[in-house]
Amino acid sequence: MGAEPLPSPARGAVVDGTSGDEQAELIRASAEADRAEEMALLRRKLDGAVIFAAGPANVVLQLSWPEVGYGVVESKVESGRTDKHPFKRFRTTIGYLGIALMGSDEQRLAYREAINGQHRQVRSTPESPVKYNAFNRELQLWVASCLYYGSIDAMTRMHGPMTYQEQVVMLRAGARMGTTLQLPEEMWHRTPEEFWAYWEDGIARADIDEVVGEYLRRLLQVRMLKTPLGRAAGTLSAWVNTGFLPAPLREQLGLAWSEKDQRRHDRMLRRLGLVTRRLPHVVRSFPINAMVGNIEIRRRLGKPLV
C-alpha cells in the first residue's frame, strides 16, 4: 500500500524485554518521526512550478527504455494518452507525484488500485517490436527512479546541493513513488550511492528509436496543444525540458544544446529558486497541492481517479 517501511533492528543489537504493545508503540513513533522528517524536507525543497515545467522531460526519461516507450506509444488506454488528453494526463501525473510523496496510506491505496485498472491493459502484442507489460517490476522501478531523479535534480539545481542526510531522507520518501505503483519496498534503492549506480546503468540502457523519438519530440514541443498559445509555448517548452535531460538522451533525440544554453538554464533555475523560497507554502507547492486536492475530492465522490 506504499506504507512507510518499518525500521529494522541494528545488526548485533540486543533485543530488550519490552512487551509487544510497547515495541509496537516504539515502531509507530519511529515511523512517525521519519515521516515528519520527510515532510519537513519536502516543504523546504519541493517546488510545484518546476515539477510542472519539467514534466515532459521526465516522460522522456521514462520512455527512453524501449519497453516503456512502446508501452506508451502503442497504448490502448486512450484516456491516459498525453498526445490525446494532455490536461487529463497532467492532472493524473502531478496528482500521482503529490499522493505518492505527501498523501496518506488510504489515498495511495486508492490511487494504486486506479492505476492497476489501466495497467492491466498495457501489454505487448505479437507485432510489438519489444515485449512489455506494465506490471513488470523492473520497468516500474525505472519509472519510479525517473520520477525521483527529476525531483532531486530540480531541488538541487534550484536550492543547492543536499547534505548526505537530506539525500537519505529524500530517498526514503522517494520509495513511495514506486510502492504507490506495484513495486515491493525491498526493491527500492537503499542508499544514495546505490541509486546513482543504478541511474548511470539505466541511462546507458536507454535506446530511443525513431518511432518513440518522434513521439517524444512532439511532447517536448507540446504539439498536442493545437492552439496559438500551444504553438507559441512549444519552443520555450522544448528548450526548458531539453535542459533537464542527460546528454546521452539529448543526443539520441537530436536535440542541440550548447554550454551557453546550459549556463542560461542553470541561471534560470537558481533565480527561480530565489523567488520560490520566499513564497508561502500553499503558493510554492502549486499545482501539486491542487491536483492532490482534486484527486481526494474525486475519491470521496466515487469518481474515477485516472
Protein backbone atom coordinates (compact mmCIF):
# COMPACT_ATOMS: atom_id res chain seq x y z
CA MET A 1 0.00 0.00 0.00
CA GLY A 2 3.00 2.26 -0.02
CA ALA A 3 3.15 2.41 3.76
CA GLU A 4 6.35 3.56 5.33
CA PRO A 5 8.94 0.76 5.73
CA LEU A 6 9.35 -0.47 9.27
CA PRO A 7 12.76 0.10 10.84
CA SER A 8 14.93 -2.95 11.33
CA PRO A 9 16.98 -3.54 14.49
CA ALA A 10 20.67 -2.79 14.12
CA ARG A 11 22.90 -5.73 13.40
CA GLY A 12 24.18 -7.20 16.69
CA ALA A 13 21.66 -5.26 18.77
CA VAL A 14 20.38 -6.86 21.95
CA VAL A 15 16.60 -7.21 21.94
CA ASP A 16 15.10 -5.69 25.07
CA GLY A 17 12.35 -7.15 27.18
CA THR A 18 9.58 -4.74 26.31
CA SER A 19 6.14 -6.14 25.64
CA GLY A 20 4.69 -6.44 22.16
CA ASP A 21 2.49 -3.39 22.76
CA GLU A 22 5.45 -1.31 23.88
CA GLN A 23 7.52 -2.45 20.91
CA ALA A 24 4.68 -1.60 18.52
CA GLU A 25 4.47 1.86 20.05
CA LEU A 26 8.22 2.36 19.52
CA ILE A 27 7.88 1.30 15.88
CA ARG A 28 4.98 3.68 15.34
CA ALA A 29 6.88 6.53 16.96
CA SER A 30 9.92 5.85 14.77
CA ALA A 31 7.78 5.74 11.61
CA GLU A 32 6.06 8.98 12.58
CA ALA A 33 9.41 10.66 13.20
CA ASP A 34 10.67 9.51 9.78
CA ARG A 35 7.52 10.81 8.15
CA ALA A 36 7.79 14.19 9.88
CA GLU A 37 11.42 14.48 8.77
CA GLU A 38 10.45 13.71 5.16
CA MET A 39 7.57 16.21 5.14
CA ALA A 40 9.78 18.96 6.57
CA LEU A 41 12.36 18.37 3.83
CA LEU A 42 9.72 18.33 1.09
CA ARG A 43 8.27 21.61 2.36
CA ARG A 44 11.73 23.20 2.12
CA LYS A 45 12.77 21.76 -1.22
CA LEU A 46 9.81 20.73 -3.41
CA ASP A 47 8.51 23.35 -5.86
CA GLY A 48 5.34 22.75 -7.84
CA ALA A 49 6.22 25.15 -10.65
CA VAL A 50 9.41 23.40 -11.73
CA ILE A 51 7.83 19.93 -11.38
CA PHE A 52 5.14 21.17 -13.76
CA ALA A 53 7.62 22.75 -16.19
CA ALA A 54 9.92 19.70 -16.27
CA GLY A 55 7.12 17.17 -16.70
CA PRO A 56 7.77 16.44 -20.40
CA ALA A 57 11.49 15.85 -19.71
CA ASN A 58 10.61 13.26 -17.11
CA VAL A 59 8.37 11.46 -19.57
CA VAL A 60 11.33 11.35 -21.96
CA LEU A 61 13.46 9.78 -19.23
CA GLN A 62 10.83 7.12 -18.54
CA LEU A 63 10.19 6.32 -22.20
CA SER A 64 13.89 6.12 -23.06
CA TRP A 65 13.72 2.43 -22.16
CA PRO A 66 12.16 0.78 -25.23
CA GLU A 67 9.74 -1.35 -23.20
CA VAL A 68 8.28 1.72 -21.53
CA GLY A 69 8.39 3.76 -24.72
CA TYR A 70 6.43 1.26 -26.79
CA GLY A 71 4.10 0.58 -23.87
CA VAL A 72 3.04 4.22 -24.10
CA VAL A 73 3.22 4.71 -27.88
CA GLU A 74 1.14 1.56 -28.52
CA SER A 75 -1.13 2.06 -25.50
CA LYS A 76 -4.80 1.18 -25.99
CA VAL A 77 -5.72 3.25 -22.92
CA GLU A 78 -6.84 6.28 -24.93
CA SER A 79 -7.97 8.21 -21.85
CA GLY A 80 -4.43 8.21 -20.45
CA ARG A 81 -2.51 9.25 -23.56
CA THR A 82 -0.65 12.55 -23.29
CA ASP A 83 -0.98 13.20 -27.02
CA LYS A 84 -4.77 12.77 -26.87
CA HIS A 85 -5.65 14.16 -23.43
CA PRO A 86 -2.75 16.40 -22.27
CA PHE A 87 -4.62 18.18 -19.47
CA LYS A 88 -6.02 14.98 -18.00
CA ARG A 89 -2.57 13.41 -18.16
CA PHE A 90 -1.17 16.48 -16.42
CA ARG A 91 -3.75 16.16 -13.64
CA THR A 92 -3.15 12.48 -13.03
CA THR A 93 0.67 12.60 -13.26
CA ILE A 94 1.14 15.62 -10.98
CA GLY A 95 -1.51 14.18 -8.67
CA TYR A 96 0.34 10.87 -8.54
CA LEU A 97 3.57 12.56 -7.51
CA GLY A 98 1.79 14.50 -4.77
CA ILE A 99 -0.14 11.49 -3.47
CA ALA A 100 2.98 9.32 -3.50
CA LEU A 101 5.14 11.82 -1.62
CA MET A 102 2.66 13.50 0.69
CA GLY A 103 -0.60 11.52 0.64
CA SER A 104 -2.00 9.20 3.29
CA ASP A 105 -1.87 5.41 3.08
CA GLU A 106 -5.58 5.44 2.23
CA GLN A 107 -5.05 7.86 -0.65
CA ARG A 108 -2.10 5.89 -2.01
CA LEU A 109 -4.03 2.63 -1.89
CA ALA A 110 -6.96 4.14 -3.77
CA TYR A 111 -4.67 5.60 -6.43
CA ARG A 112 -2.76 2.37 -6.75
CA GLU A 113 -5.98 0.47 -7.44
CA ALA A 114 -6.97 3.02 -10.08
CA ILE A 115 -3.59 2.73 -11.80
CA ASN A 116 -3.80 -1.06 -11.71
CA GLY A 117 -7.00 -0.89 -13.74
CA GLN A 118 -5.23 0.97 -16.54
CA HIS A 119 -2.01 -1.03 -16.36
CA ARG A 120 -3.86 -4.31 -16.92
CA GLN A 121 -4.46 -3.12 -20.49
CA VAL A 122 -0.80 -2.31 -21.22
CA ARG A 123 0.77 -5.42 -22.73
CA SER A 124 2.75 -6.01 -25.88
CA THR A 125 1.27 -7.82 -28.86
CA PRO A 126 2.96 -10.26 -31.24
CA GLU A 127 3.52 -7.29 -33.58
CA SER A 128 5.24 -5.12 -30.95
CA PRO A 129 8.97 -4.50 -31.57
CA VAL A 130 9.70 -5.24 -27.91
CA LYS A 131 7.93 -7.21 -25.20
CA TYR A 132 6.44 -5.19 -22.37
CA ASN A 133 3.99 -5.48 -19.51
CA ALA A 134 3.04 -2.57 -17.25
CA PHE A 135 3.26 -4.87 -14.21
CA ASN A 136 6.91 -5.69 -14.88
CA ARG A 137 8.67 -4.67 -11.69
CA GLU A 138 11.94 -3.74 -13.34
CA LEU A 139 10.08 -1.30 -15.58
CA GLN A 140 8.19 0.07 -12.59
CA LEU A 141 11.48 0.59 -10.76
CA TRP A 142 12.80 2.55 -13.74
CA VAL A 143 9.70 4.76 -13.94
CA ALA A 144 9.77 5.46 -10.20
CA SER A 145 13.51 6.16 -10.35
CA CYS A 146 12.93 8.68 -13.15
CA LEU A 147 10.34 10.48 -11.04
CA TYR A 148 12.75 10.50 -8.11
CA TYR A 149 15.67 11.72 -10.24
CA GLY A 150 13.56 14.52 -11.72
CA SER A 151 12.55 15.68 -8.26
CA ILE A 152 16.02 15.76 -6.73
CA ASP A 153 17.60 17.20 -9.88
CA ALA A 154 15.22 20.16 -9.75
CA MET A 155 15.65 20.58 -5.99
CA THR A 156 19.43 20.58 -6.23
CA ARG A 157 19.65 22.94 -9.17
CA MET A 158 17.21 25.40 -7.60
CA HIS A 159 18.33 25.29 -3.97
CA GLY A 160 21.87 23.95 -3.99
CA PRO A 161 23.38 20.57 -3.06
CA MET A 162 21.70 18.48 -0.39
CA THR A 163 23.53 17.22 2.65
CA TYR A 164 24.05 13.49 2.80
CA GLN A 165 21.33 13.18 5.45
CA GLU A 166 18.92 15.10 3.23
CA GLN A 167 19.71 12.70 0.39
CA VAL A 168 18.95 9.75 2.68
CA VAL A 169 15.66 11.28 3.81
CA MET A 170 14.60 12.12 0.25
CA LEU A 171 15.49 8.63 -0.95
CA ARG A 172 13.35 7.15 1.83
CA ALA A 173 10.42 9.34 0.82
CA GLY A 174 11.06 8.52 -2.84
CA ALA A 175 10.36 4.84 -2.21
CA ARG A 176 6.66 5.73 -2.27
CA MET A 177 6.99 6.71 -5.91
CA GLY A 178 7.47 3.00 -6.55
CA THR A 179 5.32 1.39 -3.87
CA THR A 180 2.33 3.51 -4.90
CA LEU A 181 2.62 1.55 -8.14
CA GLN A 182 3.13 -2.15 -7.52
CA LEU A 183 6.83 -2.09 -6.67
CA PRO A 184 7.77 -4.01 -3.49
CA GLU A 185 9.50 -1.73 -0.99
CA GLU A 186 12.51 -4.03 -0.81
CA MET A 187 13.31 -3.34 -4.48
CA TRP A 188 13.85 0.37 -3.83
CA HIS A 189 17.37 1.79 -3.61
CA ARG A 190 18.83 1.54 -0.12
CA THR A 191 21.48 4.26 -0.29
CA PRO A 192 22.17 7.34 -2.45
CA GLU A 193 25.25 5.56 -3.81
CA GLU A 194 23.13 2.59 -4.83
CA PHE A 195 20.66 4.88 -6.59
CA TRP A 196 23.33 6.74 -8.58
CA ALA A 197 24.98 3.50 -9.70
CA TYR A 198 21.56 2.25 -10.86
CA TRP A 199 20.89 5.58 -12.59
CA GLU A 200 24.09 5.53 -14.61
CA ASP A 201 23.34 1.97 -15.74
CA GLY A 202 19.76 2.96 -16.58
CA ILE A 203 20.80 5.87 -18.78
CA ALA A 204 23.33 3.61 -20.52
CA ARG A 205 20.46 1.17 -21.25
CA ALA A 206 18.33 3.90 -22.87
CA ASP A 207 17.64 3.31 -26.55
CA ILE A 208 15.24 5.67 -28.32
CA ASP A 209 14.33 4.66 -31.87
CA GLU A 210 12.66 6.90 -34.45
CA VAL A 211 9.08 5.85 -33.58
CA VAL A 212 9.40 6.66 -29.89
CA GLY A 213 11.70 9.58 -30.66
CA GLU A 214 9.10 11.31 -32.83
CA TYR A 215 6.50 10.85 -30.09
CA LEU A 216 8.89 12.42 -27.56
CA ARG A 217 9.87 15.36 -29.77
CA ARG A 218 6.18 16.15 -30.25
CA LEU A 219 5.76 16.00 -26.50
CA LEU A 220 8.70 18.33 -25.80
CA GLN A 221 7.28 20.86 -28.24
CA VAL A 222 3.74 20.41 -26.82
CA ARG A 223 2.43 19.86 -30.35
CA MET A 224 -0.67 18.21 -28.89
CA LEU A 225 -1.89 21.72 -27.91
CA LYS A 226 -3.34 22.76 -31.25
CA THR A 227 -3.85 26.39 -30.27
CA PRO A 228 -1.89 29.60 -30.90
CA LEU A 229 -0.79 29.53 -27.25
CA GLY A 230 0.38 25.94 -27.62
CA ARG A 231 2.38 26.76 -30.72
CA ALA A 232 3.93 29.80 -29.06
CA ALA A 233 4.86 27.80 -25.98
CA GLY A 234 6.39 24.96 -27.99
CA THR A 235 9.83 26.50 -28.48
CA LEU A 236 10.15 27.55 -24.83
CA SER A 237 8.91 24.19 -23.55
CA ALA A 238 11.37 22.32 -25.75
CA TRP A 239 14.29 24.45 -24.53
CA VAL A 240 13.37 24.26 -20.84
CA ASN A 241 12.88 20.49 -20.95
CA THR A 242 15.95 19.81 -23.06
CA GLY A 243 17.94 21.34 -20.22
CA PHE A 244 16.62 18.72 -17.81
CA LEU A 245 17.73 15.81 -19.99
CA PRO A 246 21.02 13.91 -19.60
CA ALA A 247 23.36 14.44 -22.54
CA PRO A 248 23.01 10.87 -23.92
CA LEU A 249 19.25 11.32 -24.33
CA ARG A 250 19.63 14.72 -25.96
CA GLU A 251 21.98 13.13 -28.46
CA GLN A 252 19.60 10.24 -29.19
CA LEU A 253 16.79 12.73 -29.87
CA GLY A 254 18.99 15.01 -31.96
CA LEU A 255 18.46 17.99 -29.64
CA ALA A 256 21.05 20.75 -29.84
CA TRP A 257 22.44 22.02 -26.54
CA SER A 258 25.43 24.30 -26.00
CA GLU A 259 27.45 25.42 -23.00
CA LYS A 260 25.69 28.77 -23.31
CA ASP A 261 22.32 27.01 -23.12
CA GLN A 262 23.48 25.18 -20.01
CA ARG A 263 24.59 28.40 -18.30
CA ARG A 264 21.28 30.09 -19.10
CA HIS A 265 19.33 27.09 -17.85
CA ASP A 266 21.30 26.88 -14.61
CA ARG A 267 20.89 30.62 -14.03
CA MET A 268 17.14 30.40 -14.66
CA LEU A 269 16.72 27.65 -12.06
CA ARG A 270 18.84 29.42 -9.45
CA ARG A 271 16.80 32.59 -9.86
CA LEU A 272 13.57 30.66 -9.76
CA GLY A 273 14.73 29.08 -6.51
CA LEU A 274 15.40 32.50 -5.01
CA VAL A 275 11.82 33.50 -5.82
CA THR A 276 10.05 30.34 -4.68
CA ARG A 277 11.85 30.18 -1.32
CA ARG A 278 10.14 33.46 -0.41
CA LEU A 279 6.65 32.32 -1.34
CA PRO A 280 4.02 30.99 1.09
CA HIS A 281 3.97 27.19 1.07
CA VAL A 282 0.47 26.98 -0.43
CA VAL A 283 1.63 29.06 -3.42
CA ARG A 284 5.00 27.36 -3.72
CA SER A 285 3.51 23.87 -3.83
CA PHE A 286 1.00 24.73 -6.58
CA PRO A 287 -0.08 22.88 -8.76
CA ILE A 288 0.84 19.73 -6.82
CA ASN A 289 -1.42 20.61 -3.90
CA ALA A 290 -4.30 21.47 -6.25
CA MET A 291 -4.04 18.15 -8.08
CA VAL A 292 -3.88 16.19 -4.80
CA GLY A 293 -6.99 18.05 -3.63
CA ASN A 294 -8.73 17.26 -6.91
CA ILE A 295 -7.95 13.56 -6.55
CA GLU A 296 -9.17 13.49 -2.96
CA ILE A 297 -12.46 15.12 -3.96
CA ARG A 298 -12.89 12.60 -6.78
CA ARG A 299 -12.10 9.74 -4.39
CA ARG A 300 -14.72 10.88 -1.89
CA LEU A 301 -17.31 11.34 -4.62
CA GLY A 302 -16.58 7.91 -6.10
CA LYS A 303 -15.39 9.32 -9.42
CA PRO A 304 -12.55 7.80 -11.48
CA LEU A 305 -9.14 8.90 -10.25
CA VAL A 306 -7.29 8.35 -13.54
